[in-house]
Amino acid sequence: MGKFVITARTNGEFQFSLKAGNGQTILSSEGYSSKAGCENGIESVKRNSQDDDRFDRKESSSGKPYFNLKATNGQIIGSSEMYESVSARDNGIESVKKNAFDATIDDQTL
């Protein structure tokens, strides 16, 4: 089972990472100025990760595949790591779909 891990950045912002059952990070958020905003981002990932059209499949300038998960308004709510192949990236997307919906939340800022 996946989990969202909420952490605080050194600049005071909050961020989350979605981790698969094996502990590997499969999606990371931007920085949020409030914990409530970060928690809203998690709920947005849960909702939007179930729609394949919300995944924007990209390639970096160095040719590495990655993806962004976008909300209905087009805003990026999470980004993946850089992958070595398109098939690895696609497996990462499937992992987000599988793990995000019922993932628990581990708030490490308490």
Protein backbone atom coordinates (compact mmCIF):
# COMPACT_ATOMS: atom_id res chain seq x y z
CA MET A 1 0.00 0.00 0.00
CA GLY A 2 1.23 3.46 -0.86
CA LYS A 3 1.57 6.44 1.42
CA PHE A 4 1.89 10.19 1.15
CA VAL A 5 4.73 11.59 3.26
CA ILE A 6 4.41 15.26 4.26
CA THR A 7 7.67 17.04 5.11
CA ALA A 8 8.77 20.61 5.75
CA ARG A 9 11.41 22.30 3.62
CA THR A 10 14.14 24.45 5.12
CA ASN A 11 12.35 27.55 3.76
CA GLY A 12 9.22 26.69 5.78
CA GLU A 13 7.19 25.31 2.87
CA PHE A 14 5.45 21.95 2.99
CA GLN A 15 5.73 19.24 0.36
CA PHE A 16 4.55 15.69 -0.12
CA SER A 17 5.90 12.59 -1.77
CA LEU A 18 3.88 9.57 -2.81
CA LYS A 19 5.74 6.39 -1.98
CA ALA A 20 4.93 2.93 -3.30
CA GLY A 21 4.61 -0.04 -0.95
CA ASN A 22 8.33 -0.75 -1.40
CA GLY A 23 9.21 2.76 -0.16
CA GLN A 24 10.25 4.13 -3.55
CA THR A 25 9.15 7.72 -4.27
CA ILE A 26 6.91 7.74 -7.35
CA LEU A 27 5.59 11.33 -7.28
CA SER A 28 6.76 14.56 -5.62
CA SER A 29 4.93 17.83 -5.12
CA GLU A 30 5.85 21.45 -5.37
CA GLY A 31 6.31 23.51 -2.21
CA TYR A 32 3.19 24.78 -0.45
CA SER A 33 3.11 27.79 1.87
CA SER A 34 0.66 26.07 4.24
CA LYS A 35 0.06 22.53 5.43
CA ALA A 36 -3.59 22.87 4.42
CA GLY A 37 -2.49 23.62 0.85
CA CYS A 38 -0.25 20.55 0.91
CA GLU A 39 -3.13 18.39 2.18
CA ASN A 40 -5.36 19.77 -0.61
CA GLY A 41 -2.64 18.79 -3.08
CA ILE A 42 -2.75 15.22 -1.77
CA GLU A 43 -6.52 15.08 -2.23
CA SER A 44 -6.08 16.42 -5.76
CA VAL A 45 -3.57 13.65 -6.54
CA LYS A 46 -5.99 11.03 -5.20
CA ARG A 47 -8.76 12.32 -7.48
CA ASN A 48 -6.77 13.11 -10.62
CA SER A 49 -4.53 10.04 -10.60
CA GLN A 50 -7.48 7.90 -11.59
CA ASP A 51 -7.80 9.71 -14.96
CA ASP A 52 -5.12 8.74 -17.49
CA ASP A 53 -5.64 12.03 -19.36
CA ARG A 54 -4.25 13.92 -16.33
CA PHE A 55 -0.79 12.40 -16.84
CA ASP A 56 1.42 14.52 -19.05
CA ARG A 57 4.13 12.25 -20.51
CA LYS A 58 7.27 14.28 -21.15
CA GLU A 59 10.93 14.00 -22.09
CA SER A 60 13.70 16.07 -20.50
CA SER A 61 16.25 18.03 -22.51
CA SER A 62 18.67 15.16 -21.88
CA GLY A 63 16.22 12.67 -23.39
CA LYS A 64 15.01 11.08 -20.14
CA PRO A 65 11.28 10.27 -19.89
CA TYR A 66 9.24 11.60 -16.95
CA PHE A 67 5.67 12.64 -16.22
CA ASN A 68 3.66 15.35 -14.52
CA LEU A 69 0.24 14.84 -12.96
CA LYS A 70 -2.05 17.79 -13.63
CA ALA A 71 -5.26 18.95 -11.97
CA THR A 72 -8.40 19.74 -13.97
CA ASN A 73 -7.23 23.39 -14.20
CA GLY A 74 -3.96 22.28 -15.84
CA GLN A 75 -1.78 23.04 -12.80
CA ILE A 76 0.98 20.51 -12.09
CA ILE A 77 0.31 18.80 -8.75
CA GLY A 78 3.12 16.26 -8.86
CA SER A 79 6.14 15.23 -10.89
CA SER A 80 8.02 11.98 -11.29
CA GLU A 81 11.70 11.20 -11.26
CA MET A 82 13.62 10.88 -14.53
CA TYR A 83 13.39 7.39 -15.97
CA GLU A 84 15.78 5.42 -18.18
CA SER A 85 13.05 4.29 -20.60
CA VAL A 86 9.51 5.07 -21.74
CA SER A 87 8.33 1.71 -20.39
CA ALA A 88 9.79 2.51 -16.94
CA ARG A 89 7.98 5.88 -16.99
CA ASP A 90 4.73 4.18 -17.97
CA ASN A 91 5.20 1.71 -15.09
CA GLY A 92 5.64 4.72 -12.79
CA ILE A 93 2.33 6.16 -13.97
CA GLU A 94 0.60 2.83 -13.33
CA SER A 95 2.14 2.76 -9.86
CA VAL A 96 0.73 6.22 -9.08
CA LYS A 97 -2.72 5.12 -10.28
CA LYS A 98 -2.53 2.00 -8.11
CA ASN A 99 -1.08 3.56 -4.96
CA ALA A 100 -2.52 7.09 -4.71
CA PHE A 101 -6.24 6.48 -4.30
CA ASP A 102 -6.17 4.72 -0.93
CA ALA A 103 -2.73 5.78 0.27
CA THR A 104 -2.32 6.68 3.92
CA ILE A 105 -0.78 9.96 5.07
CA ASP A 106 2.43 10.08 7.11
CA ASP A 107 2.80 13.65 8.41
CA GLN A 108 6.43 14.03 9.47
CA THR A 109 5.98 17.68 10.43
CA LEU A 110 4.23 16.92 13.74
